[in-house]
ModelCIF file with pLDDT and N, C-alpha, C, O atoms, coordinates in Angstrom:
data_MODEL
#
_entry.id   MODEL 
#
_entity.id                         1 
_entity.type                       polymer 
_entity.pdbx_number_of_molecules   1 
#
_entity_poly.entity_id                      1 
_entity_poly.type                           'polypeptide(L)' 
_entity_poly.nstd_linkage                   no 
_entity_poly.nstd_monomer                   no 
_entity_poly.pdbx_seq_one_letter_code       
;(UNK)(UNK)(UNK)(UNK)(UNK)(UNK)(UNK)(UNK)(UNK)(UNK)(UNK)(UNK)(UNK)(UNK)(UNK)(UNK)
(UNK)(UNK)(UNK)(UNK)(UNK)(UNK)(UNK)(UNK)(UNK)(UNK)(UNK)(UNK)(UNK)(UNK)(UNK)(UNK)
(UNK)(UNK)(UNK)(UNK)(UNK)(UNK)(UNK)(UNK)(UNK)
;
_entity_poly.pdbx_seq_one_letter_code_can   XXXXXXXXXXXXXXXXXXXXXXXXXXXXXXXXXXXXXXXXX 
_entity_poly.pdbx_strand_id                 A 
#
loop_
_entity_poly_seq.entity_id 
_entity_poly_seq.num 
_entity_poly_seq.mon_id 
_entity_poly_seq.hetero 
1 1  UNK n 
1 2  UNK n 
1 3  UNK n 
1 4  UNK n 
1 5  UNK n 
1 6  UNK n 
1 7  UNK n 
1 8  UNK n 
1 9  UNK n 
1 10 UNK n 
1 11 UNK n 
1 12 UNK n 
1 13 UNK n 
1 14 UNK n 
1 15 UNK n 
1 16 UNK n 
1 17 UNK n 
1 18 UNK n 
1 19 UNK n 
1 20 UNK n 
1 21 UNK n 
1 22 UNK n 
1 23 UNK n 
1 24 UNK n 
1 25 UNK n 
1 26 UNK n 
1 27 UNK n 
1 28 UNK n 
1 29 UNK n 
1 30 UNK n 
1 31 UNK n 
1 32 UNK n 
1 33 UNK n 
1 34 UNK n 
1 35 UNK n 
1 36 UNK n 
1 37 UNK n 
1 38 UNK n 
1 39 UNK n 
1 40 UNK n 
1 41 UNK n 
#
_struct_asym.id          A 
_struct_asym.entity_id   1 
#
loop_
_ma_qa_metric.id 
_ma_qa_metric.mode 
_ma_qa_metric.name 
_ma_qa_metric.software_group_id 
_ma_qa_metric.type 
1 global pLDDT . pLDDT 
2 local  pLDDT . pLDDT 
#
_ma_qa_metric_global.metric_id      1 
_ma_qa_metric_global.metric_value   78.41 
_ma_qa_metric_global.model_id       1 
_ma_qa_metric_global.ordinal_id     1 
#
loop_
_ma_qa_metric_local.label_asym_id 
_ma_qa_metric_local.label_comp_id 
_ma_qa_metric_local.label_seq_id 
_ma_qa_metric_local.metric_id 
_ma_qa_metric_local.metric_value 
_ma_qa_metric_local.model_id 
_ma_qa_metric_local.ordinal_id 
A UNK 1  2 87.00 1 1  
A UNK 2  2 84.00 1 2  
A UNK 3  2 84.00 1 3  
A UNK 4  2 86.00 1 4  
A UNK 5  2 83.00 1 5  
A UNK 6  2 80.00 1 6  
A UNK 7  2 78.00 1 7  
A UNK 8  2 80.00 1 8  
A UNK 9  2 79.00 1 9  
A UNK 10 2 75.00 1 10 
A UNK 11 2 72.00 1 11 
A UNK 12 2 69.00 1 12 
A UNK 13 2 72.00 1 13 
A UNK 14 2 64.00 1 14 
A UNK 15 2 61.00 1 15 
A UNK 16 2 61.00 1 16 
A UNK 17 2 64.00 1 17 
A UNK 18 2 65.00 1 18 
A UNK 19 2 64.00 1 19 
A UNK 20 2 64.00 1 20 
A UNK 21 2 65.00 1 21 
A UNK 22 2 64.00 1 22 
A UNK 23 2 67.00 1 23 
A UNK 24 2 74.00 1 24 
A UNK 25 2 73.00 1 25 
A UNK 26 2 78.00 1 26 
A UNK 27 2 77.00 1 27 
A UNK 28 2 79.00 1 28 
A UNK 29 2 84.00 1 29 
A UNK 30 2 84.00 1 30 
A UNK 31 2 85.00 1 31 
A UNK 32 2 88.00 1 32 
A UNK 33 2 89.00 1 33 
A UNK 34 2 89.00 1 34 
A UNK 35 2 90.00 1 35 
A UNK 36 2 91.00 1 36 
A UNK 37 2 93.00 1 37 
A UNK 38 2 93.00 1 38 
A UNK 39 2 93.00 1 39 
A UNK 40 2 93.00 1 40 
A UNK 41 2 94.00 1 41 
#
loop_
_atom_site.group_PDB 
_atom_site.id 
_atom_site.type_symbol 
_atom_site.label_atom_id 
_atom_site.label_alt_id 
_atom_site.label_comp_id 
_atom_site.label_asym_id 
_atom_site.label_entity_id 
_atom_site.label_seq_id 
_atom_site.pdbx_PDB_ins_code 
_atom_site.Cartn_x 
_atom_site.Cartn_y 
_atom_site.Cartn_z 
_atom_site.occupancy 
_atom_site.B_iso_or_equiv 
_atom_site.pdbx_formal_charge 
_atom_site.auth_seq_id 
_atom_site.auth_comp_id 
_atom_site.auth_asym_id 
_atom_site.auth_atom_id 
_atom_site.pdbx_PDB_model_num 
ATOM 1   N N  . UNK A 1 1  ? 0.836   -1.206  0.000   1.00 87.00 ? 1  UNK A N  1 
ATOM 2   C CA . UNK A 1 1  ? 0.000   0.000   0.000   1.00 87.00 ? 1  UNK A CA 1 
ATOM 3   C C  . UNK A 1 1  ? 0.866   1.250   0.000   1.00 87.00 ? 1  UNK A C  1 
ATOM 4   O O  . UNK A 1 1  ? 0.617   2.180   -0.767  1.00 87.00 ? 1  UNK A O  1 
ATOM 5   N N  . UNK A 1 2  ? 1.882   1.278   0.855   1.00 84.00 ? 2  UNK A N  1 
ATOM 6   C CA . UNK A 1 2  ? 2.755   2.455   0.932   1.00 84.00 ? 2  UNK A CA 1 
ATOM 7   C C  . UNK A 1 2  ? 3.533   2.662   -0.357  1.00 84.00 ? 2  UNK A C  1 
ATOM 8   O O  . UNK A 1 2  ? 3.754   3.800   -0.770  1.00 84.00 ? 2  UNK A O  1 
ATOM 9   N N  . UNK A 1 3  ? 3.953   1.570   -1.000  1.00 84.00 ? 3  UNK A N  1 
ATOM 10  C CA . UNK A 1 3  ? 4.647   1.688   -2.292  1.00 84.00 ? 3  UNK A CA 1 
ATOM 11  C C  . UNK A 1 3  ? 3.717   2.286   -3.341  1.00 84.00 ? 3  UNK A C  1 
ATOM 12  O O  . UNK A 1 3  ? 4.141   3.083   -4.178  1.00 84.00 ? 3  UNK A O  1 
ATOM 13  N N  . UNK A 1 4  ? 2.450   1.896   -3.291  1.00 86.00 ? 4  UNK A N  1 
ATOM 14  C CA . UNK A 1 4  ? 1.475   2.379   -4.268  1.00 86.00 ? 4  UNK A CA 1 
ATOM 15  C C  . UNK A 1 4  ? 1.201   3.867   -4.075  1.00 86.00 ? 4  UNK A C  1 
ATOM 16  O O  . UNK A 1 4  ? 1.265   4.634   -5.036  1.00 86.00 ? 4  UNK A O  1 
ATOM 17  N N  . UNK A 1 5  ? 0.894   4.289   -2.836  1.00 83.00 ? 5  UNK A N  1 
ATOM 18  C CA . UNK A 1 5  ? 0.508   5.686   -2.626  1.00 83.00 ? 5  UNK A CA 1 
ATOM 19  C C  . UNK A 1 5  ? 1.697   6.637   -2.760  1.00 83.00 ? 5  UNK A C  1 
ATOM 20  O O  . UNK A 1 5  ? 1.520   7.844   -2.929  1.00 83.00 ? 5  UNK A O  1 
ATOM 21  N N  . UNK A 1 6  ? 2.915   6.081   -2.682  1.00 80.00 ? 6  UNK A N  1 
ATOM 22  C CA . UNK A 1 6  ? 4.097   6.906   -2.898  1.00 80.00 ? 6  UNK A CA 1 
ATOM 23  C C  . UNK A 1 6  ? 4.577   6.872   -4.351  1.00 80.00 ? 6  UNK A C  1 
ATOM 24  O O  . UNK A 1 6  ? 5.620   7.432   -4.690  1.00 80.00 ? 6  UNK A O  1 
ATOM 25  N N  . UNK A 1 7  ? 3.781   6.191   -5.213  1.00 78.00 ? 7  UNK A N  1 
ATOM 26  C CA . UNK A 1 7  ? 4.078   6.182   -6.640  1.00 78.00 ? 7  UNK A CA 1 
ATOM 27  C C  . UNK A 1 7  ? 5.175   5.230   -7.051  1.00 78.00 ? 7  UNK A C  1 
ATOM 28  O O  . UNK A 1 7  ? 5.811   5.444   -8.083  1.00 78.00 ? 7  UNK A O  1 
ATOM 29  N N  . UNK A 1 8  ? 5.425   4.168   -6.269  1.00 80.00 ? 8  UNK A N  1 
ATOM 30  C CA . UNK A 1 8  ? 6.469   3.186   -6.594  1.00 80.00 ? 8  UNK A CA 1 
ATOM 31  C C  . UNK A 1 8  ? 5.891   1.774   -6.698  1.00 80.00 ? 8  UNK A C  1 
ATOM 32  O O  . UNK A 1 8  ? 6.281   0.899   -5.924  1.00 80.00 ? 8  UNK A O  1 
ATOM 33  N N  . UNK A 1 9  ? 4.975   1.534   -7.631  1.00 79.00 ? 9  UNK A N  1 
ATOM 34  C CA . UNK A 1 9  ? 4.400   0.182   -7.729  1.00 79.00 ? 9  UNK A CA 1 
ATOM 35  C C  . UNK A 1 9  ? 5.430   -0.864  -8.148  1.00 79.00 ? 9  UNK A C  1 
ATOM 36  O O  . UNK A 1 9  ? 5.281   -2.050  -7.852  1.00 79.00 ? 9  UNK A O  1 
ATOM 37  N N  . UNK A 1 10 ? 6.491   -0.406  -8.849  1.00 75.00 ? 10 UNK A N  1 
ATOM 38  C CA . UNK A 1 10 ? 7.527   -1.339  -9.304  1.00 75.00 ? 10 UNK A CA 1 
ATOM 39  C C  . UNK A 1 10 ? 8.162   -2.063  -8.123  1.00 75.00 ? 10 UNK A C  1 
ATOM 40  O O  . UNK A 1 10 ? 8.533   -3.231  -8.232  1.00 75.00 ? 10 UNK A O  1 
ATOM 41  N N  . UNK A 1 11 ? 8.286   -1.376  -7.008  1.00 72.00 ? 11 UNK A N  1 
ATOM 42  C CA . UNK A 1 11 ? 8.911   -1.970  -5.825  1.00 72.00 ? 11 UNK A CA 1 
ATOM 43  C C  . UNK A 1 11 ? 8.108   -3.162  -5.322  1.00 72.00 ? 11 UNK A C  1 
ATOM 44  O O  . UNK A 1 11 ? 8.678   -4.160  -4.881  1.00 72.00 ? 11 UNK A O  1 
ATOM 45  N N  . UNK A 1 12 ? 6.795   -3.058  -5.389  1.00 69.00 ? 12 UNK A N  1 
ATOM 46  C CA . UNK A 1 12 ? 5.930   -4.147  -4.924  1.00 69.00 ? 12 UNK A CA 1 
ATOM 47  C C  . UNK A 1 12 ? 5.860   -5.292  -5.919  1.00 69.00 ? 12 UNK A C  1 
ATOM 48  O O  . UNK A 1 12 ? 5.515   -6.415  -5.550  1.00 69.00 ? 12 UNK A O  1 
ATOM 49  N N  . UNK A 1 13 ? 6.187   -5.016  -7.195  1.00 72.00 ? 13 UNK A N  1 
ATOM 50  C CA . UNK A 1 13 ? 6.011   -6.016  -8.250  1.00 72.00 ? 13 UNK A CA 1 
ATOM 51  C C  . UNK A 1 13 ? 7.316   -6.596  -8.760  1.00 72.00 ? 13 UNK A C  1 
ATOM 52  O O  . UNK A 1 13 ? 7.291   -7.443  -9.653  1.00 72.00 ? 13 UNK A O  1 
ATOM 53  N N  . UNK A 1 14 ? 8.469   -6.170  -8.225  1.00 64.00 ? 14 UNK A N  1 
ATOM 54  C CA . UNK A 1 14 ? 9.752   -6.556  -8.828  1.00 64.00 ? 14 UNK A CA 1 
ATOM 55  C C  . UNK A 1 14 ? 10.052  -8.043  -8.695  1.00 64.00 ? 14 UNK A C  1 
ATOM 56  O O  . UNK A 1 14 ? 10.817  -8.580  -9.497  1.00 64.00 ? 14 UNK A O  1 
ATOM 57  N N  . UNK A 1 15 ? 9.471   -8.731  -7.702  1.00 61.00 ? 15 UNK A N  1 
ATOM 58  C CA . UNK A 1 15 ? 9.769   -10.152 -7.511  1.00 61.00 ? 15 UNK A CA 1 
ATOM 59  C C  . UNK A 1 15 ? 8.674   -11.061 -8.061  1.00 61.00 ? 15 UNK A C  1 
ATOM 60  O O  . UNK A 1 15 ? 8.485   -12.168 -7.556  1.00 61.00 ? 15 UNK A O  1 
ATOM 61  N N  . UNK A 1 16 ? 7.951   -10.614 -9.086  1.00 61.00 ? 16 UNK A N  1 
ATOM 62  C CA . UNK A 1 16 ? 6.858   -11.446 -9.595  1.00 61.00 ? 16 UNK A CA 1 
ATOM 63  C C  . UNK A 1 16 ? 7.398   -12.714 -10.255 1.00 61.00 ? 16 UNK A C  1 
ATOM 64  O O  . UNK A 1 16 ? 8.433   -12.692 -10.920 1.00 61.00 ? 16 UNK A O  1 
ATOM 65  N N  . UNK A 1 17 ? 6.683   -13.808 -10.060 1.00 64.00 ? 17 UNK A N  1 
ATOM 66  C CA . UNK A 1 17 ? 7.122   -15.133 -10.502 1.00 64.00 ? 17 UNK A CA 1 
ATOM 67  C C  . UNK A 1 17 ? 7.162   -15.249 -12.020 1.00 64.00 ? 17 UNK A C  1 
ATOM 68  O O  . UNK A 1 17 ? 7.811   -16.143 -12.563 1.00 64.00 ? 17 UNK A O  1 
ATOM 69  N N  . UNK A 1 18 ? 6.447   -14.317 -12.721 1.00 65.00 ? 18 UNK A N  1 
ATOM 70  C CA . UNK A 1 18 ? 6.376   -14.404 -14.177 1.00 65.00 ? 18 UNK A CA 1 
ATOM 71  C C  . UNK A 1 18 ? 7.547   -13.706 -14.856 1.00 65.00 ? 18 UNK A C  1 
ATOM 72  O O  . UNK A 1 18 ? 7.662   -13.727 -16.081 1.00 65.00 ? 18 UNK A O  1 
ATOM 73  N N  . UNK A 1 19 ? 8.423   -13.083 -14.055 1.00 64.00 ? 19 UNK A N  1 
ATOM 74  C CA . UNK A 1 19 ? 9.619   -12.386 -14.579 1.00 64.00 ? 19 UNK A CA 1 
ATOM 75  C C  . UNK A 1 19 ? 9.258   -11.307 -15.595 1.00 64.00 ? 19 UNK A C  1 
ATOM 76  O O  . UNK A 1 19 ? 9.991   -11.074 -16.556 1.00 64.00 ? 19 UNK A O  1 
ATOM 77  N N  . UNK A 1 20 ? 8.110   -10.648 -15.369 1.00 64.00 ? 20 UNK A N  1 
ATOM 78  C CA . UNK A 1 20 ? 7.706   -9.558  -16.248 1.00 64.00 ? 20 UNK A CA 1 
ATOM 79  C C  . UNK A 1 20 ? 8.381   -8.264  -15.813 1.00 64.00 ? 20 UNK A C  1 
ATOM 80  O O  . UNK A 1 20 ? 8.662   -8.068  -14.630 1.00 64.00 ? 20 UNK A O  1 
ATOM 81  N N  . UNK A 1 21 ? 8.634   -7.396  -16.758 1.00 65.00 ? 21 UNK A N  1 
ATOM 82  C CA . UNK A 1 21 ? 9.333   -6.143  -16.486 1.00 65.00 ? 21 UNK A CA 1 
ATOM 83  C C  . UNK A 1 21 ? 8.357   -5.099  -15.937 1.00 65.00 ? 21 UNK A C  1 
ATOM 84  O O  . UNK A 1 21 ? 7.510   -4.608  -16.683 1.00 65.00 ? 21 UNK A O  1 
ATOM 85  N N  . UNK A 1 22 ? 8.459   -4.747  -14.636 1.00 64.00 ? 22 UNK A N  1 
ATOM 86  C CA . UNK A 1 22 ? 7.491   -3.816  -14.040 1.00 64.00 ? 22 UNK A CA 1 
ATOM 87  C C  . UNK A 1 22 ? 7.690   -2.364  -14.462 1.00 64.00 ? 22 UNK A C  1 
ATOM 88  O O  . UNK A 1 22 ? 6.929   -1.491  -14.047 1.00 64.00 ? 22 UNK A O  1 
ATOM 89  N N  . UNK A 1 23 ? 8.692   -2.102  -15.272 1.00 67.00 ? 23 UNK A N  1 
ATOM 90  C CA . UNK A 1 23 ? 8.886   -0.719  -15.732 1.00 67.00 ? 23 UNK A CA 1 
ATOM 91  C C  . UNK A 1 23 ? 7.931   -0.372  -16.880 1.00 67.00 ? 23 UNK A C  1 
ATOM 92  O O  . UNK A 1 23 ? 7.767   0.801   -17.214 1.00 67.00 ? 23 UNK A O  1 
ATOM 93  N N  . UNK A 1 24 ? 7.301   -1.387  -17.484 1.00 74.00 ? 24 UNK A N  1 
ATOM 94  C CA . UNK A 1 24 ? 6.344   -1.162  -18.565 1.00 74.00 ? 24 UNK A CA 1 
ATOM 95  C C  . UNK A 1 24 ? 4.944   -0.934  -17.990 1.00 74.00 ? 24 UNK A C  1 
ATOM 96  O O  . UNK A 1 24 ? 4.497   -1.651  -17.094 1.00 74.00 ? 24 UNK A O  1 
ATOM 97  N N  . UNK A 1 25 ? 4.272   0.072   -18.521 1.00 73.00 ? 25 UNK A N  1 
ATOM 98  C CA . UNK A 1 25 ? 2.978   0.474   -17.950 1.00 73.00 ? 25 UNK A CA 1 
ATOM 99  C C  . UNK A 1 25 ? 1.943   -0.639  -18.024 1.00 73.00 ? 25 UNK A C  1 
ATOM 100 O O  . UNK A 1 25 ? 1.230   -0.876  -17.048 1.00 73.00 ? 25 UNK A O  1 
ATOM 101 N N  . UNK A 1 26 ? 1.843   -1.329  -19.157 1.00 78.00 ? 26 UNK A N  1 
ATOM 102 C CA . UNK A 1 26 ? 0.814   -2.352  -19.293 1.00 78.00 ? 26 UNK A CA 1 
ATOM 103 C C  . UNK A 1 26 ? 1.075   -3.527  -18.347 1.00 78.00 ? 26 UNK A C  1 
ATOM 104 O O  . UNK A 1 26 ? 0.141   -4.161  -17.857 1.00 78.00 ? 26 UNK A O  1 
ATOM 105 N N  . UNK A 1 27 ? 2.350   -3.806  -18.098 1.00 77.00 ? 27 UNK A N  1 
ATOM 106 C CA . UNK A 1 27 ? 2.701   -4.867  -17.153 1.00 77.00 ? 27 UNK A CA 1 
ATOM 107 C C  . UNK A 1 27 ? 2.242   -4.484  -15.748 1.00 77.00 ? 27 UNK A C  1 
ATOM 108 O O  . UNK A 1 27 ? 1.677   -5.300  -15.019 1.00 77.00 ? 27 UNK A O  1 
ATOM 109 N N  . UNK A 1 28 ? 2.497   -3.222  -15.383 1.00 79.00 ? 28 UNK A N  1 
ATOM 110 C CA . UNK A 1 28 ? 2.076   -2.730  -14.073 1.00 79.00 ? 28 UNK A CA 1 
ATOM 111 C C  . UNK A 1 28 ? 0.564   -2.834  -13.924 1.00 79.00 ? 28 UNK A C  1 
ATOM 112 O O  . UNK A 1 28 ? 0.071   -3.299  -12.896 1.00 79.00 ? 28 UNK A O  1 
ATOM 113 N N  . UNK A 1 29 ? -0.178  -2.401  -14.953 1.00 84.00 ? 29 UNK A N  1 
ATOM 114 C CA . UNK A 1 29 ? -1.632  -2.442  -14.901 1.00 84.00 ? 29 UNK A CA 1 
ATOM 115 C C  . UNK A 1 29 ? -2.155  -3.868  -14.747 1.00 84.00 ? 29 UNK A C  1 
ATOM 116 O O  . UNK A 1 29 ? -3.055  -4.116  -13.944 1.00 84.00 ? 29 UNK A O  1 
ATOM 117 N N  . UNK A 1 30 ? -1.601  -4.797  -15.505 1.00 84.00 ? 30 UNK A N  1 
ATOM 118 C CA . UNK A 1 30 ? -2.062  -6.191  -15.456 1.00 84.00 ? 30 UNK A CA 1 
ATOM 119 C C  . UNK A 1 30 ? -1.756  -6.821  -14.098 1.00 84.00 ? 30 UNK A C  1 
ATOM 120 O O  . UNK A 1 30 ? -2.611  -7.470  -13.496 1.00 84.00 ? 30 UNK A O  1 
ATOM 121 N N  . UNK A 1 31 ? -0.518  -6.618  -13.623 1.00 85.00 ? 31 UNK A N  1 
ATOM 122 C CA . UNK A 1 31 ? -0.133  -7.224  -12.342 1.00 85.00 ? 31 UNK A CA 1 
ATOM 123 C C  . UNK A 1 31 ? -0.916  -6.633  -11.176 1.00 85.00 ? 31 UNK A C  1 
ATOM 124 O O  . UNK A 1 31 ? -1.330  -7.357  -10.271 1.00 85.00 ? 31 UNK A O  1 
ATOM 125 N N  . UNK A 1 32 ? -1.118  -5.321  -11.196 1.00 88.00 ? 32 UNK A N  1 
ATOM 126 C CA . UNK A 1 32 ? -1.876  -4.690  -10.119 1.00 88.00 ? 32 UNK A CA 1 
ATOM 127 C C  . UNK A 1 32 ? -3.346  -5.106  -10.155 1.00 88.00 ? 32 UNK A C  1 
ATOM 128 O O  . UNK A 1 32 ? -3.958  -5.330  -9.110  1.00 88.00 ? 32 UNK A O  1 
ATOM 129 N N  . UNK A 1 33 ? -3.907  -5.206  -11.353 1.00 89.00 ? 33 UNK A N  1 
ATOM 130 C CA . UNK A 1 33 ? -5.287  -5.676  -11.479 1.00 89.00 ? 33 UNK A CA 1 
ATOM 131 C C  . UNK A 1 33 ? -5.416  -7.096  -10.919 1.00 89.00 ? 33 UNK A C  1 
ATOM 132 O O  . UNK A 1 33 ? -6.423  -7.440  -10.300 1.00 89.00 ? 33 UNK A O  1 
ATOM 133 N N  . UNK A 1 34 ? -4.383  -7.912  -11.145 1.00 89.00 ? 34 UNK A N  1 
ATOM 134 C CA . UNK A 1 34 ? -4.359  -9.270  -10.592 1.00 89.00 ? 34 UNK A CA 1 
ATOM 135 C C  . UNK A 1 34 ? -4.373  -9.260  -9.071  1.00 89.00 ? 34 UNK A C  1 
ATOM 136 O O  . UNK A 1 34 ? -5.033  -10.084 -8.438  1.00 89.00 ? 34 UNK A O  1 
ATOM 137 N N  . UNK A 1 35 ? -3.630  -8.308  -8.486  1.00 90.00 ? 35 UNK A N  1 
ATOM 138 C CA . UNK A 1 35 ? -3.626  -8.196  -7.023  1.00 90.00 ? 35 UNK A CA 1 
ATOM 139 C C  . UNK A 1 35 ? -5.023  -7.854  -6.496  1.00 90.00 ? 35 UNK A C  1 
ATOM 140 O O  . UNK A 1 35 ? -5.461  -8.400  -5.483  1.00 90.00 ? 35 UNK A O  1 
ATOM 141 N N  . UNK A 1 36 ? -5.718  -6.947  -7.191  1.00 91.00 ? 36 UNK A N  1 
ATOM 142 C CA . UNK A 1 36 ? -7.077  -6.574  -6.776  1.00 91.00 ? 36 UNK A CA 1 
ATOM 143 C C  . UNK A 1 36 ? -8.004  -7.783  -6.844  1.00 91.00 ? 36 UNK A C  1 
ATOM 144 O O  . UNK A 1 36 ? -8.804  -8.009  -5.936  1.00 91.00 ? 36 UNK A O  1 
ATOM 145 N N  . UNK A 1 37 ? -7.897  -8.556  -7.915  1.00 93.00 ? 37 UNK A N  1 
ATOM 146 C CA . UNK A 1 37 ? -8.790  -9.699  -8.102  1.00 93.00 ? 37 UNK A CA 1 
ATOM 147 C C  . UNK A 1 37 ? -8.525  -10.822 -7.110  1.00 93.00 ? 37 UNK A C  1 
ATOM 148 O O  . UNK A 1 37 ? -9.460  -11.456 -6.622  1.00 93.00 ? 37 UNK A O  1 
ATOM 149 N N  . UNK A 1 38 ? -7.244  -11.071 -6.809  1.00 93.00 ? 38 UNK A N  1 
ATOM 150 C CA . UNK A 1 38 ? -6.901  -12.258 -6.023  1.00 93.00 ? 38 UNK A CA 1 
ATOM 151 C C  . UNK A 1 38 ? -6.728  -12.004 -4.531  1.00 93.00 ? 38 UNK A C  1 
ATOM 152 O O  . UNK A 1 38 ? -6.672  -12.955 -3.751  1.00 93.00 ? 38 UNK A O  1 
ATOM 153 N N  . UNK A 1 39 ? -6.641  -10.728 -4.113  1.00 93.00 ? 39 UNK A N  1 
ATOM 154 C CA . UNK A 1 39 ? -6.472  -10.471 -2.686  1.00 93.00 ? 39 UNK A CA 1 
ATOM 155 C C  . UNK A 1 39 ? -7.653  -10.991 -1.881  1.00 93.00 ? 39 UNK A C  1 
ATOM 156 O O  . UNK A 1 39 ? -7.455  -11.628 -0.846  1.00 93.00 ? 39 UNK A O  1 
ATOM 157 N N  . UNK A 1 40 ? -8.860  -10.739 -2.326  1.00 93.00 ? 40 UNK A N  1 
ATOM 158 C CA . UNK A 1 40 ? -10.025 -11.190 -1.575  1.00 93.00 ? 40 UNK A CA 1 
ATOM 159 C C  . UNK A 1 40 ? -10.147 -12.706 -1.628  1.00 93.00 ? 40 UNK A C  1 
ATOM 160 O O  . UNK A 1 40 ? -10.649 -13.318 -0.686  1.00 93.00 ? 40 UNK A O  1 
ATOM 161 N N  . UNK A 1 41 ? -9.692  -13.319 -2.720  1.00 94.00 ? 41 UNK A N  1 
ATOM 162 C CA . UNK A 1 41 ? -9.687  -14.790 -2.785  1.00 94.00 ? 41 UNK A CA 1 
ATOM 163 C C  . UNK A 1 41 ? -8.745  -15.337 -1.719  1.00 94.00 ? 41 UNK A C  1 
ATOM 164 O O  . UNK A 1 41 ? -8.590  -16.552 -1.598  1.00 94.00 ? 41 UNK A O  1 
#
């Protein structure tokens, strides 16, 4: 949460298992959307 509100989503996503590059905007959007969908699960 703190990484997000401080504008550093890459920090929260850098260790993703899919080895996607978090510096790309579409990657950030997809990975973050995944967090929203799966957190409640």
